[in-house]
Amino acid sequence: MDTYSEDQDSRQELKALRSEQSELANVLWLALAGMLMLTACMSVYLLRQNYLLHRQSLLQQSVAEESIQRNEQLMAVAAEFQKYGAAHPDYASNVLSRFGLKPIAAKPAH
């Protein structure tokens, strides 16, 4: 009779272990599904951010190019004032010094 009760106990333990294994498998599948969903959401978010930053950089690139062109024009005008200041010391000391510019000698034409 002892063997019958031991067999019954081992069957119940086996049934409990299988139940716990099934629960663990369900938890793992839920965790996997959650991780996949989290990964998909993060990917969509990062793709959207990449798209927005790319558009913003394209807009800023055109503005930067315009600014560089204007700056080059202003520097060309400032160079003319600096050349004028080389020949006129009073202009250099009164006007150019206010803007932090120094007079430069004009290059001889060849």
Protein backbone atom coordinates (compact mmCIF):
# COMPACT_ATOMS: atom_id res chain seq x y z
CA MET A 1 0.00 0.00 0.00
CA ASP A 2 2.87 2.26 0.56
CA THR A 3 3.76 2.20 -3.09
CA TYR A 4 0.25 3.28 -4.06
CA SER A 5 0.36 6.38 -1.83
CA GLU A 6 3.88 7.20 -2.96
CA ASP A 7 2.77 6.84 -6.58
CA GLN A 8 -0.21 9.09 -5.89
CA ASP A 9 2.03 11.69 -4.22
CA SER A 10 4.52 11.68 -7.07
CA ARG A 11 1.67 12.11 -9.58
CA GLN A 12 0.36 15.11 -7.66
CA GLU A 13 3.86 16.60 -7.46
CA LEU A 14 4.32 16.02 -11.18
CA LYS A 15 0.96 17.66 -11.88
CA ALA A 16 1.92 20.65 -9.70
CA LEU A 17 5.31 20.94 -11.44
CA ARG A 18 3.66 20.86 -14.87
CA SER A 19 1.21 23.54 -13.73
CA GLU A 20 4.05 25.73 -12.48
CA GLN A 21 5.98 25.11 -15.71
CA SER A 22 2.95 26.18 -17.72
CA GLU A 23 2.56 29.33 -15.63
CA LEU A 24 6.25 30.12 -16.06
CA ALA A 25 5.99 29.62 -19.82
CA ASN A 26 3.01 32.00 -19.92
CA VAL A 27 4.91 34.62 -17.93
CA LEU A 28 7.90 34.30 -20.24
CA TRP A 29 5.71 34.65 -23.35
CA LEU A 30 4.07 37.74 -21.86
CA ALA A 31 7.48 39.21 -21.06
CA LEU A 32 8.65 38.49 -24.61
CA ALA A 33 5.52 40.09 -26.07
CA GLY A 34 6.03 43.13 -23.83
CA MET A 35 9.65 43.47 -24.88
CA LEU A 36 8.71 43.21 -28.54
CA MET A 37 6.03 45.86 -28.11
CA LEU A 38 8.43 48.12 -26.23
CA THR A 39 11.08 47.66 -28.93
CA ALA A 40 8.57 48.43 -31.68
CA CYS A 41 7.36 51.57 -29.90
CA MET A 42 10.91 52.80 -29.30
CA SER A 43 11.78 52.14 -32.94
CA VAL A 44 8.80 54.15 -34.16
CA TYR A 45 9.66 56.96 -31.76
CA LEU A 46 13.31 57.04 -32.85
CA LEU A 47 12.37 56.96 -36.54
CA ARG A 48 10.00 59.89 -35.98
CA GLN A 49 12.69 61.84 -34.13
CA ASN A 50 15.18 61.10 -36.91
CA TYR A 51 12.71 62.37 -39.51
CA LEU A 52 12.00 65.57 -37.57
CA LEU A 53 15.68 66.29 -36.92
CA HIS A 54 16.51 65.66 -40.58
CA ARG A 55 13.84 68.16 -41.68
CA GLN A 56 15.07 70.69 -39.12
CA SER A 57 18.68 70.31 -40.25
CA LEU A 58 17.68 70.86 -43.89
CA LEU A 59 15.91 74.09 -42.92
CA GLN A 60 18.88 75.25 -40.86
CA GLN A 61 21.30 74.38 -43.64
CA SER A 62 19.66 76.80 -46.06
CA VAL A 63 19.59 79.54 -43.41
CA ALA A 64 23.26 78.89 -42.58
CA GLU A 65 24.25 79.10 -46.24
CA GLU A 66 22.44 82.45 -46.59
CA SER A 67 24.13 83.70 -43.43
CA ILE A 68 27.56 82.67 -44.71
CA GLN A 69 26.95 84.52 -47.98
CA ARG A 70 25.85 87.66 -46.13
CA ASN A 71 28.84 87.39 -43.81
CA GLU A 72 31.22 87.14 -46.78
CA GLN A 73 29.68 90.26 -48.28
CA LEU A 74 30.01 92.13 -44.99
CA MET A 75 33.61 91.04 -44.59
CA ALA A 76 34.38 92.30 -48.10
CA VAL A 77 32.93 95.71 -47.19
CA ALA A 78 34.80 95.72 -43.87
CA ALA A 79 38.04 95.01 -45.73
CA GLU A 80 37.47 98.11 -47.84
CA PHE A 81 37.00 100.19 -44.68
CA GLN A 82 40.20 98.71 -43.23
CA LYS A 83 42.09 99.61 -46.39
CA TYR A 84 40.74 103.15 -46.17
CA GLY A 85 41.82 103.27 -42.52
CA ALA A 86 45.41 102.42 -43.50
CA ALA A 87 45.62 105.67 -45.47
CA HIS A 88 43.66 107.75 -42.94
CA PRO A 89 44.88 107.29 -39.34
CA ASP A 90 42.18 109.49 -37.83
CA TYR A 91 39.48 107.26 -39.37
CA ALA A 92 41.29 104.17 -38.09
CA SER A 93 41.60 105.47 -34.55
CA ASN A 94 38.05 106.86 -34.31
CA VAL A 95 35.89 104.49 -36.33
CA LEU A 96 37.67 101.18 -36.88
CA SER A 97 38.80 100.91 -33.26
CA ARG A 98 35.15 101.05 -32.09
CA PHE A 99 34.44 97.87 -34.04
CA GLY A 100 37.66 96.09 -33.16
CA LEU A 101 39.05 96.38 -36.69
CA LYS A 102 42.61 97.24 -37.58
CA PRO A 103 43.68 99.03 -40.71
CA ILE A 104 45.24 96.88 -43.41
CA ALA A 105 47.44 98.01 -46.23
CA ALA A 106 45.99 97.78 -49.72
CA LYS A 107 47.63 95.18 -51.92
CA PRO A 108 49.38 96.60 -54.96
CA ALA A 109 47.71 95.80 -58.27
CA HIS A 110 49.79 93.70 -60.68
